[in-house]
Amino acid sequence: MNKGELVDAVASKAEVTKKDADKIISAVVESIMEAVSSGDKVTLVGFGSFERRHRKAREGRNPKTGEKMEIPATEVPAFSAGKLFKEKVAPPKNKK
């Protein structure tokens, strides 16, 4: 599903125009990115949480030459799926 298809689905479910749905989706995504980039954690109960994580410096290799190189420490965005989302994707199997 791309953004256009998501806009169509949201517009249909929320009974709003596609233009309004696009504005809402863009505002939500932008707000999440701004919050995470400033160090805040965004939690949407049932869906999941977005946060910034620190990745330590590590040693890597140049794929062309095989030469060792230092990969610097950095901050990366991370998403953790919530319980309801996980269950929707992979329903728990009934134990007998």
PDB file of N, CA and C in Angstrom:
ATOM      1  N   MET A   1       0.859  -1.171   0.000  1.00  0.00           N
ATOM      2  CA  MET A   1       0.000   0.000   0.000  1.00  0.00           C
ATOM      3  C   MET A   1       0.905   1.233   0.000  1.00  0.00           C
ATOM      4  N   ASN A   2       0.677   2.124  -0.921  1.00  0.00           N
ATOM      5  CA  ASN A   2       1.425   3.377  -0.946  1.00  0.00           C
ATOM      6  C   ASN A   2       0.592   4.489  -0.306  1.00  0.00           C
ATOM      7  N   LYS A   3       1.130   5.702  -0.276  1.00  0.00           N
ATOM      8  CA  LYS A   3       0.429   6.797   0.409  1.00  0.00           C
ATOM      9  C   LYS A   3      -0.919   7.092  -0.238  1.00  0.00           C
ATOM     10  N   GLY A   4      -0.986   7.065  -1.561  1.00  0.00           N
ATOM     11  CA  GLY A   4      -2.248   7.327  -2.254  1.00  0.00           C
ATOM     12  C   GLY A   4      -3.330   6.329  -1.870  1.00  0.00           C
ATOM     13  N   GLU A   5      -2.961   5.057  -1.776  1.00  0.00           N
ATOM     14  CA  GLU A   5      -3.913   4.019  -1.384  1.00  0.00           C
ATOM     15  C   GLU A   5      -4.319   4.177   0.080  1.00  0.00           C
ATOM     16  N   LEU A   6      -3.364   4.589   0.915  1.00  0.00           N
ATOM     17  CA  LEU A   6      -3.674   4.844   2.319  1.00  0.00           C
ATOM     18  C   LEU A   6      -4.648   6.013   2.443  1.00  0.00           C
ATOM     19  N   VAL A   7      -4.420   7.063   1.670  1.00  0.00           N
ATOM     20  CA  VAL A   7      -5.320   8.222   1.668  1.00  0.00           C
ATOM     21  C   VAL A   7      -6.731   7.786   1.286  1.00  0.00           C
ATOM     22  N   ASP A   8      -6.847   6.966   0.240  1.00  0.00           N
ATOM     23  CA  ASP A   8      -8.158   6.461  -0.193  1.00  0.00           C
ATOM     24  C   ASP A   8      -8.842   5.680   0.929  1.00  0.00           C
ATOM     25  N   ALA A   9      -8.096   4.794   1.592  1.00  0.00           N
ATOM     26  CA  ALA A   9      -8.663   3.957   2.659  1.00  0.00           C
ATOM     27  C   ALA A   9      -9.110   4.818   3.846  1.00  0.00           C
ATOM     28  N   VAL A  10      -8.284   5.776   4.251  1.00  0.00           N
ATOM     29  CA  VAL A  10      -8.629   6.645   5.388  1.00  0.00           C
ATOM     30  C   VAL A  10      -9.834   7.505   5.044  1.00  0.00           C
ATOM     31  N   ALA A  11      -9.853   8.060   3.841  1.00  0.00           N
ATOM     32  CA  ALA A  11     -10.977   8.893   3.417  1.00  0.00           C
ATOM     33  C   ALA A  11     -12.273   8.108   3.464  1.00  0.00           C
ATOM     34  N   SER A  12     -12.221   6.862   3.031  1.00  0.00           N
ATOM     35  CA  SER A  12     -13.408   6.007   3.023  1.00  0.00           C
ATOM     36  C   SER A  12     -13.861   5.666   4.442  1.00  0.00           C
ATOM     37  N   LYS A  13     -12.914   5.237   5.299  1.00  0.00           N
ATOM     38  CA  LYS A  13     -13.273   4.830   6.663  1.00  0.00           C
ATOM     39  C   LYS A  13     -13.712   6.007   7.528  1.00  0.00           C
ATOM     40  N   ALA A  14     -13.073   7.163   7.350  1.00  0.00           N
ATOM     41  CA  ALA A  14     -13.385   8.327   8.188  1.00  0.00           C
ATOM     42  C   ALA A  14     -14.474   9.200   7.571  1.00  0.00           C
ATOM     43  N   GLU A  15     -14.915   8.825   6.380  1.00  0.00           N
ATOM     44  CA  GLU A  15     -15.944   9.576   5.662  1.00  0.00           C
ATOM     45  C   GLU A  15     -15.572  11.058   5.529  1.00  0.00           C
ATOM     46  N   VAL A  16     -14.336  11.290   5.052  1.00  0.00           N
ATOM     47  CA  VAL A  16     -13.852  12.641   4.757  1.00  0.00           C
ATOM     48  C   VAL A  16     -13.357  12.654   3.314  1.00  0.00           C
ATOM     49  N   THR A  17     -13.064  13.850   2.806  1.00  0.00           N
ATOM     50  CA  THR A  17     -12.565  13.936   1.434  1.00  0.00           C
ATOM     51  C   THR A  17     -11.134  13.408   1.378  1.00  0.00           C
ATOM     52  N   LYS A  18     -10.706  13.023   0.180  1.00  0.00           N
ATOM     53  CA  LYS A  18      -9.335  12.547   0.002  1.00  0.00           C
ATOM     54  C   LYS A  18      -8.346  13.663   0.332  1.00  0.00           C
ATOM     55  N   LYS A  19      -8.704  14.901   0.010  1.00  0.00           N
ATOM     56  CA  LYS A  19      -7.832  16.037   0.302  1.00  0.00           C
ATOM     57  C   LYS A  19      -7.637  16.185   1.807  1.00  0.00           C
ATOM     58  N   ASP A  20      -8.729  16.066   2.565  1.00  0.00           N
ATOM     59  CA  ASP A  20      -8.641  16.162   4.027  1.00  0.00           C
ATOM     60  C   ASP A  20      -7.855  14.983   4.611  1.00  0.00           C
ATOM     61  N   ALA A  21      -8.092  13.792   4.086  1.00  0.00           N
ATOM     62  CA  ALA A  21      -7.378  12.604   4.567  1.00  0.00           C
ATOM     63  C   ALA A  21      -5.879  12.753   4.322  1.00  0.00           C
ATOM     64  N   ASP A  22      -5.506  13.287   3.165  1.00  0.00           N
ATOM     65  CA  ASP A  22      -4.094  13.496   2.845  1.00  0.00           C
ATOM     66  C   ASP A  22      -3.465  14.486   3.822  1.00  0.00           C
ATOM     67  N   LYS A  23      -4.180  15.573   4.129  1.00  0.00           N
ATOM     68  CA  LYS A  23      -3.675  16.567   5.085  1.00  0.00           C
ATOM     69  C   LYS A  23      -3.474  15.938   6.461  1.00  0.00           C
ATOM     70  N   ILE A  24      -4.440  15.124   6.886  1.00  0.00           N
ATOM     71  CA  ILE A  24      -4.376  14.488   8.203  1.00  0.00           C
ATOM     72  C   ILE A  24      -3.193  13.517   8.286  1.00  0.00           C
ATOM     73  N   ILE A  25      -3.066  12.668   7.275  1.00  0.00           N
ATOM     74  CA  ILE A  25      -1.971  11.686   7.265  1.00  0.00           C
ATOM     75  C   ILE A  25      -0.622  12.399   7.254  1.00  0.00           C
ATOM     76  N   SER A  26      -0.488  13.427   6.419  1.00  0.00           N
ATOM     77  CA  SER A  26       0.771  14.186   6.348  1.00  0.00           C
ATOM     78  C   SER A  26       1.088  14.840   7.683  1.00  0.00           C
ATOM     79  N   ALA A  27       0.061  15.395   8.340  1.00  0.00           N
ATOM     80  CA  ALA A  27       0.263  16.042   9.640  1.00  0.00           C
ATOM     81  C   ALA A  27       0.678  15.031  10.700  1.00  0.00           C
ATOM     82  N   VAL A  28       0.071  13.861  10.699  1.00  0.00           N
ATOM     83  CA  VAL A  28       0.413  12.818  11.678  1.00  0.00           C
ATOM     84  C   VAL A  28       1.860  12.365  11.483  1.00  0.00           C
ATOM     85  N   VAL A  29       2.224  12.064  10.242  1.00  0.00           N
ATOM     86  CA  VAL A  29       3.579  11.588   9.960  1.00  0.00           C
ATOM     87  C   VAL A  29       4.606  12.658  10.317  1.00  0.00           C
ATOM     88  N   GLU A  30       4.341  13.898   9.932  1.00  0.00           N
ATOM     89  CA  GLU A  30       5.260  15.002  10.243  1.00  0.00           C
ATOM     90  C   GLU A  30       5.397  15.199  11.753  1.00  0.00           C
ATOM     91  N   SER A  31       4.290  15.113  12.477  1.00  0.00           N
ATOM     92  CA  SER A  31       4.325  15.276  13.937  1.00  0.00           C
ATOM     93  C   SER A  31       5.125  14.162  14.599  1.00  0.00           C
ATOM     94  N   ILE A  32       4.973  12.937  14.123  1.00  0.00           N
ATOM     95  CA  ILE A  32       5.739  11.811  14.672  1.00  0.00           C
ATOM     96  C   ILE A  32       7.223  12.016  14.403  1.00  0.00           C
ATOM     97  N   MET A  33       7.574  12.406  13.173  1.00  0.00           N
ATOM     98  CA  MET A  33       8.987  12.611  12.830  1.00  0.00           C
ATOM     99  C   MET A  33       9.605  13.733  13.666  1.00  0.00           C
ATOM    100  N   GLU A  34       8.878  14.827  13.869  1.00  0.00           N
ATOM    101  CA  GLU A  34       9.387  15.938  14.678  1.00  0.00           C
ATOM    102  C   GLU A  34       9.597  15.512  16.127  1.00  0.00           C
ATOM    103  N   ALA A  35       8.637  14.782  16.686  1.00  0.00           N
ATOM    104  CA  ALA A  35       8.747  14.343  18.080  1.00  0.00           C
ATOM    105  C   ALA A  35       9.920  13.392  18.266  1.00  0.00           C
ATOM    106  N   VAL A  36      10.053  12.409  17.385  1.00  0.00           N
ATOM    107  CA  VAL A  36      11.133  11.419  17.506  1.00  0.00           C
ATOM    108  C   VAL A  36      12.493  12.083  17.299  1.00  0.00           C
ATOM    109  N   SER A  37      12.571  13.002  16.334  1.00  0.00           N
ATOM    110  CA  SER A  37      13.855  13.659  16.075  1.00  0.00           C
ATOM    111  C   SER A  37      14.290  14.530  17.244  1.00  0.00           C
ATOM    112  N   SER A  38      13.333  15.003  18.040  1.00  0.00           N
ATOM    113  CA  SER A  38      13.690  15.810  19.214  1.00  0.00           C
ATOM    114  C   SER A  38      13.925  14.952  20.456  1.00  0.00           C
ATOM    115  N   GLY A  39      13.830  13.636  20.309  1.00  0.00           N
ATOM    116  CA  GLY A  39      14.129  12.730  21.416  1.00  0.00           C
ATOM    117  C   GLY A  39      12.926  12.191  22.154  1.00  0.00           C
ATOM    118  N   ASP A  40      11.722  12.602  21.763  1.00  0.00           N
ATOM    119  CA  ASP A  40      10.512  12.094  22.413  1.00  0.00           C
ATOM    120  C   ASP A  40      10.137  10.719  21.872  1.00  0.00           C
ATOM    121  N   LYS A  41       9.420   9.971  22.682  1.00  0.00           N
ATOM    122  CA  LYS A  41       8.880   8.678  22.259  1.00  0.00           C
ATOM    123  C   LYS A  41       7.393   8.883  21.972  1.00  0.00           C
ATOM    124  N   VAL A  42       6.931   8.387  20.828  1.00  0.00           N
ATOM    125  CA  VAL A  42       5.519   8.508  20.453  1.00  0.00           C
ATOM    126  C   VAL A  42       4.889   7.130  20.570  1.00  0.00           C
ATOM    127  N   THR A  43       3.886   6.996  21.443  1.00  0.00           N
ATOM    128  CA  THR A  43       3.223   5.718  21.651  1.00  0.00           C
ATOM    129  C   THR A  43       1.770   5.811  21.226  1.00  0.00           C
ATOM    130  N   LEU A  44       1.372   4.926  20.316  1.00  0.00           N
ATOM    131  CA  LEU A  44      -0.017   4.818  19.877  1.00  0.00           C
ATOM    132  C   LEU A  44      -0.501   3.460  20.380  1.00  0.00           C
ATOM    133  N   VAL A  45      -1.266   3.473  21.457  1.00  0.00           N
ATOM    134  CA  VAL A  45      -1.682   2.243  22.124  1.00  0.00           C
ATOM    135  C   VAL A  45      -2.342   1.292  21.129  1.00  0.00           C
ATOM    136  N   GLY A  46      -1.884   0.054  21.139  1.00  0.00           N
ATOM    137  CA  GLY A  46      -2.407  -0.973  20.243  1.00  0.00           C
ATOM    138  C   GLY A  46      -1.665  -1.033  18.926  1.00  0.00           C
ATOM    139  N   PHE A  47      -1.141   0.104  18.465  1.00  0.00           N
ATOM    140  CA  PHE A  47      -0.425   0.143  17.182  1.00  0.00           C
ATOM    141  C   PHE A  47       1.068  -0.065  17.392  1.00  0.00           C
ATOM    142  N   GLY A  48       1.671   0.788  18.216  1.00  0.00           N
ATOM    143  CA  GLY A  48       3.096   0.655  18.473  1.00  0.00           C
ATOM    144  C   GLY A  48       3.707   1.958  18.930  1.00  0.00           C
ATOM    145  N   SER A  49       5.037   1.955  19.016  1.00  0.00           N
ATOM    146  CA  SER A  49       5.720   3.164  19.454  1.00  0.00           C
ATOM    147  C   SER A  49       6.912   3.465  18.555  1.00  0.00           C
ATOM    148  N   PHE A  50       7.150   4.756  18.393  1.00  0.00           N
ATOM    149  CA  PHE A  50       8.265   5.260  17.612  1.00  0.00           C
ATOM    150  C   PHE A  50       9.221   5.935  18.580  1.00  0.00           C
ATOM    151  N   GLU A  51      10.522   5.702  18.399  1.00  0.00           N
ATOM    152  CA  GLU A  51      11.498   6.337  19.262  1.00  0.00           C
ATOM    153  C   GLU A  51      12.838   6.459  18.554  1.00  0.00           C
ATOM    154  N   ARG A  52      13.715   7.248  19.155  1.00  0.00           N
ATOM    155  CA  ARG A  52      15.071   7.403  18.641  1.00  0.00           C
ATOM    156  C   ARG A  52      15.975   6.501  19.456  1.00  0.00           C
ATOM    157  N   ARG A  53      16.829   5.735  18.766  1.00  0.00           N
ATOM    158  CA  ARG A  53      17.764   4.844  19.458  1.00  0.00           C
ATOM    159  C   ARG A  53      19.191   5.175  19.046  1.00  0.00           C
ATOM    160  N   HIS A  54      20.094   4.936  19.977  1.00  0.00           N
ATOM    161  CA  HIS A  54      21.512   5.174  19.717  1.00  0.00           C
ATOM    162  C   HIS A  54      22.129   3.895  19.158  1.00  0.00           C
ATOM    163  N   ARG A  55      22.842   4.033  18.064  1.00  0.00           N
ATOM    164  CA  ARG A  55      23.580   2.894  17.501  1.00  0.00           C
ATOM    165  C   ARG A  55      25.061   3.156  17.761  1.00  0.00           C
ATOM    166  N   LYS A  56      25.725   2.225  18.451  1.00  0.00           N
ATOM    167  CA  LYS A  56      27.135   2.388  18.804  1.00  0.00           C
ATOM    168  C   LYS A  56      28.022   2.341  17.562  1.00  0.00           C
ATOM    169  N   ALA A  57      29.209   2.919  17.692  1.00  0.00           N
ATOM    170  CA  ALA A  57      30.211   2.831  16.629  1.00  0.00           C
ATOM    171  C   ALA A  57      30.613   1.368  16.486  1.00  0.00           C
ATOM    172  N   ARG A  58      30.930   0.976  15.283  1.00  0.00           N
ATOM    173  CA  ARG A  58      31.315  -0.422  15.071  1.00  0.00           C
ATOM    174  C   ARG A  58      32.263  -0.516  13.883  1.00  0.00           C
ATOM    175  N   GLU A  59      32.877  -1.667  13.766  1.00  0.00           N
ATOM    176  CA  GLU A  59      33.806  -1.890  12.669  1.00  0.00           C
ATOM    177  C   GLU A  59      33.063  -2.557  11.507  1.00  0.00           C
ATOM    178  N   GLY A  60      33.300  -2.065  10.309  1.00  0.00           N
ATOM    179  CA  GLY A  60      32.693  -2.657   9.128  1.00  0.00           C
ATOM    180  C   GLY A  60      33.744  -2.879   8.068  1.00  0.00           C
ATOM    181  N   ARG A  61      33.304  -3.312   6.909  1.00  0.00           N
ATOM    182  CA  ARG A  61      34.223  -3.537   5.794  1.00  0.00           C
ATOM    183  C   ARG A  61      33.672  -2.870   4.546  1.00  0.00           C
ATOM    184  N   ASN A  62      34.581  -2.285   3.776  1.00  0.00           N
ATOM    185  CA  ASN A  62      34.218  -1.727   2.481  1.00  0.00           C
ATOM    186  C   ASN A  62      33.886  -2.904   1.564  1.00  0.00           C
ATOM    187  N   PRO A  63      32.669  -2.977   1.012  1.00  0.00           N
ATOM    188  CA  PRO A  63      32.304  -4.141   0.207  1.00  0.00           C
ATOM    189  C   PRO A  63      33.125  -4.283  -1.080  1.00  0.00           C
ATOM    190  N   LYS A  64      33.645  -3.198  -1.598  1.00  0.00           N
ATOM    191  CA  LYS A  64      34.440  -3.277  -2.831  1.00  0.00           C
ATOM    192  C   LYS A  64      35.855  -3.779  -2.567  1.00  0.00           C
ATOM    193  N   THR A  65      36.486  -3.247  -1.504  1.00  0.00           N
ATOM    194  CA  THR A  65      37.896  -3.565  -1.268  1.00  0.00           C
ATOM    195  C   THR A  65      38.115  -4.556  -0.130  1.00  0.00           C
ATOM    196  N   GLY A  66      37.112  -4.729   0.719  1.00  0.00           N
ATOM    197  CA  GLY A  66      37.270  -5.607   1.875  1.00  0.00           C
ATOM    198  C   GLY A  66      38.049  -4.949   2.999  1.00  0.00           C
ATOM    199  N   GLU A  67      38.433  -3.688   2.808  1.00  0.00           N
ATOM    200  CA  GLU A  67      39.207  -2.954   3.798  1.00  0.00           C
ATOM    201  C   GLU A  67      38.359  -2.645   5.031  1.00  0.00           C
ATOM    202  N   LYS A  68      38.981  -2.794   6.209  1.00  0.00           N
ATOM    203  CA  LYS A  68      38.269  -2.486   7.453  1.00  0.00           C
ATOM    204  C   LYS A  68      38.062  -0.979   7.554  1.00  0.00           C
ATOM    205  N   MET A  69      36.909  -0.595   8.119  1.00  0.00           N
ATOM    206  CA  MET A  69      36.629   0.819   8.328  1.00  0.00           C
ATOM    207  C   MET A  69      35.791   0.984   9.580  1.00  0.00           C
ATOM    208  N   GLU A  70      35.862   2.155  10.183  1.00  0.00           N
ATOM    209  CA  GLU A  70      35.096   2.450  11.387  1.00  0.00           C
ATOM    210  C   GLU A  70      33.778   3.091  10.983  1.00  0.00           C
ATOM    211  N   ILE A  71      32.657   2.509  11.422  1.00  0.00           N
ATOM    212  CA  ILE A  71      31.335   3.093  11.185  1.00  0.00           C
ATOM    213  C   ILE A  71      31.003   3.888  12.445  1.00  0.00           C
ATOM    214  N   PRO A  72      30.803   5.204  12.311  1.00  0.00           N
ATOM    215  CA  PRO A  72      30.595   6.034  13.496  1.00  0.00           C
ATOM    216  C   PRO A  72      29.255   5.776  14.194  1.00  0.00           C
ATOM    217  N   ALA A  73      29.190   6.149  15.456  1.00  0.00           N
ATOM    218  CA  ALA A  73      27.944   6.062  16.223  1.00  0.00           C
ATOM    219  C   ALA A  73      26.933   7.017  15.607  1.00  0.00           C
ATOM    220  N   THR A  74      25.661   6.674  15.714  1.00  0.00           N
ATOM    221  CA  THR A  74      24.620   7.527  15.150  1.00  0.00           C
ATOM    222  C   THR A  74      23.298   7.308  15.876  1.00  0.00           C
ATOM    223  N   GLU A  75      22.348   8.147  15.610  1.00  0.00           N
ATOM    224  CA  GLU A  75      20.998   8.006  16.136  1.00  0.00           C
ATOM    225  C   GLU A  75      20.112   7.511  14.994  1.00  0.00           C
ATOM    226  N   VAL A  76      19.240   6.546  15.273  1.00  0.00           N
ATOM    227  CA  VAL A  76      18.364   5.992  14.241  1.00  0.00           C
ATOM    228  C   VAL A  76      16.919   5.935  14.737  1.00  0.00           C
ATOM    229  N   PRO A  77      15.952   6.072  13.831  1.00  0.00           N
ATOM    230  CA  PRO A  77      14.560   5.918  14.235  1.00  0.00           C
ATOM    231  C   PRO A  77      14.240   4.433  14.418  1.00  0.00           C
ATOM    232  N   ALA A  78      13.340   4.140  15.355  1.00  0.00           N
ATOM    233  CA  ALA A  78      12.963   2.748  15.604  1.00  0.00           C
ATOM    234  C   ALA A  78      11.460   2.670  15.836  1.00  0.00           C
ATOM    235  N   PHE A  79      10.864   1.549  15.415  1.00  0.00           N
ATOM    236  CA  PHE A  79       9.445   1.301  15.630  1.00  0.00           C
ATOM    237  C   PHE A  79       9.294  -0.049  16.301  1.00  0.00           C
ATOM    238  N   SER A  80       8.478  -0.094  17.339  1.00  0.00           N
ATOM    239  CA  SER A  80       8.144  -1.351  18.010  1.00  0.00           C
ATOM    240  C   SER A  80       6.640  -1.548  17.893  1.00  0.00           C
ATOM    241  N   ALA A  81       6.228  -2.640  17.292  1.00  0.00           N
ATOM    242  CA  ALA A  81       4.798  -2.914  17.116  1.00  0.00           C
ATOM    243  C   ALA A  81       4.144  -3.221  18.455  1.00  0.00           C
ATOM    244  N   GLY A  82       2.912  -2.753  18.611  1.00  0.00           N
ATOM    245  CA  GLY A  82       2.140  -3.011  19.817  1.00  0.00           C
ATOM    246  C   GLY A  82       1.508  -4.393  19.787  1.00  0.00           C
ATOM    247  N   LYS A  83       0.983  -4.814  20.912  1.00  0.00           N
ATOM    248  CA  LYS A  83       0.407  -6.152  21.058  1.00  0.00           C
ATOM    249  C   LYS A  83      -0.727  -6.407  20.062  1.00  0.00           C
ATOM    250  N   LEU A  84      -1.662  -5.462  19.931  1.00  0.00           N
ATOM    251  CA  LEU A  84      -2.787  -5.660  19.011  1.00  0.00           C
ATOM    252  C   LEU A  84      -2.322  -5.772  17.571  1.00  0.00           C
ATOM    253  N   PHE A  85      -1.337  -4.948  17.196  1.00  0.00           N
ATOM    254  CA  PHE A  85      -0.792  -4.977  15.845  1.00  0.00           C
ATOM    255  C   PHE A  85      -0.137  -6.331  15.578  1.00  0.00           C
ATOM    256  N   LYS A  86       0.664  -6.803  16.526  1.00  0.00           N
ATOM    257  CA  LYS A  86       1.327  -8.103  16.374  1.00  0.00           C
ATOM    258  C   LYS A  86       0.312  -9.225  16.229  1.00  0.00           C
ATOM    259  N   GLU A  87      -0.753  -9.176  17.050  1.00  0.00           N
ATOM    260  CA  GLU A  87      -1.776 -10.222  16.991  1.00  0.00           C
ATOM    261  C   GLU A  87      -2.556 -10.176  15.680  1.00  0.00           C
ATOM    262  N   LYS A  88      -2.733  -8.987  15.120  1.00  0.00           N
ATOM    263  CA  LYS A  88      -3.444  -8.843  13.847  1.00  0.00           C
ATOM    264  C   LYS A  88      -2.620  -9.441  12.704  1.00  0.00           C
ATOM    265  N   VAL A  89      -1.301  -9.233  12.768  1.00  0.00           N
ATOM    266  CA  VAL A  89      -0.407  -9.738  11.728  1.00  0.00           C
ATOM    267  C   VAL A  89      -0.207 -11.243  11.862  1.00  0.00           C
ATOM    268  N   ALA A  90       0.009 -11.716  13.073  1.00  0.00           N
ATOM    269  CA  ALA A  90       0.251 -13.141  13.323  1.00  0.00           C
ATOM    270  C   ALA A  90      -0.587 -13.571  14.507  1.00  0.00           C
ATOM    271  N   PRO A  91      -1.846 -13.955  14.263  1.00  0.00           N
ATOM    272  CA  PRO A  91      -2.711 -14.371  15.382  1.00  0.00           C
ATOM    273  C   PRO A  91      -2.109 -15.533  16.152  1.00  0.00           C
ATOM    274  N   PRO A  92      -2.225 -15.504  17.481  1.00  0.00           N
ATOM    275  CA  PRO A  92      -1.675 -16.601  18.277  1.00  0.00           C
ATOM    276  C   PRO A  92      -2.405 -17.910  17.939  1.00  0.00           C
ATOM    277  N   LYS A  93      -1.635 -18.975  17.865  1.00  0.00           N
ATOM    278  CA  LYS A  93      -2.221 -20.279  17.561  1.00  0.00           C
ATOM    279  C   LYS A  93      -2.838 -20.858  18.820  1.00  0.00           C
ATOM    280  N   ASN A  94      -3.999 -21.452  18.659  1.00  0.00           N
ATOM    281  CA  ASN A  94      -4.686 -22.062  19.804  1.00  0.00           C
ATOM    282  C   ASN A  94      -3.915 -23.289  20.269  1.00  0.00           C
ATOM    283  N   LYS A  95      -3.628 -23.343  21.561  1.00  0.00           N
ATOM    284  CA  LYS A  95      -2.935 -24.491  22.122  1.00  0.00           C
ATOM    285  C   LYS A  95      -3.960 -25.554  22.481  1.00  0.00           C
ATOM    286  N   LYS A  96      -3.654 -26.793  22.178  1.00  0.00           N
ATOM    287  CA  LYS A  96      -4.577 -27.893  22.463  1.00  0.00           C
ATOM    288  C   LYS A  96      -4.141 -28.672  23.659  1.00  0.00           C
TER     289      LYS A  96
END
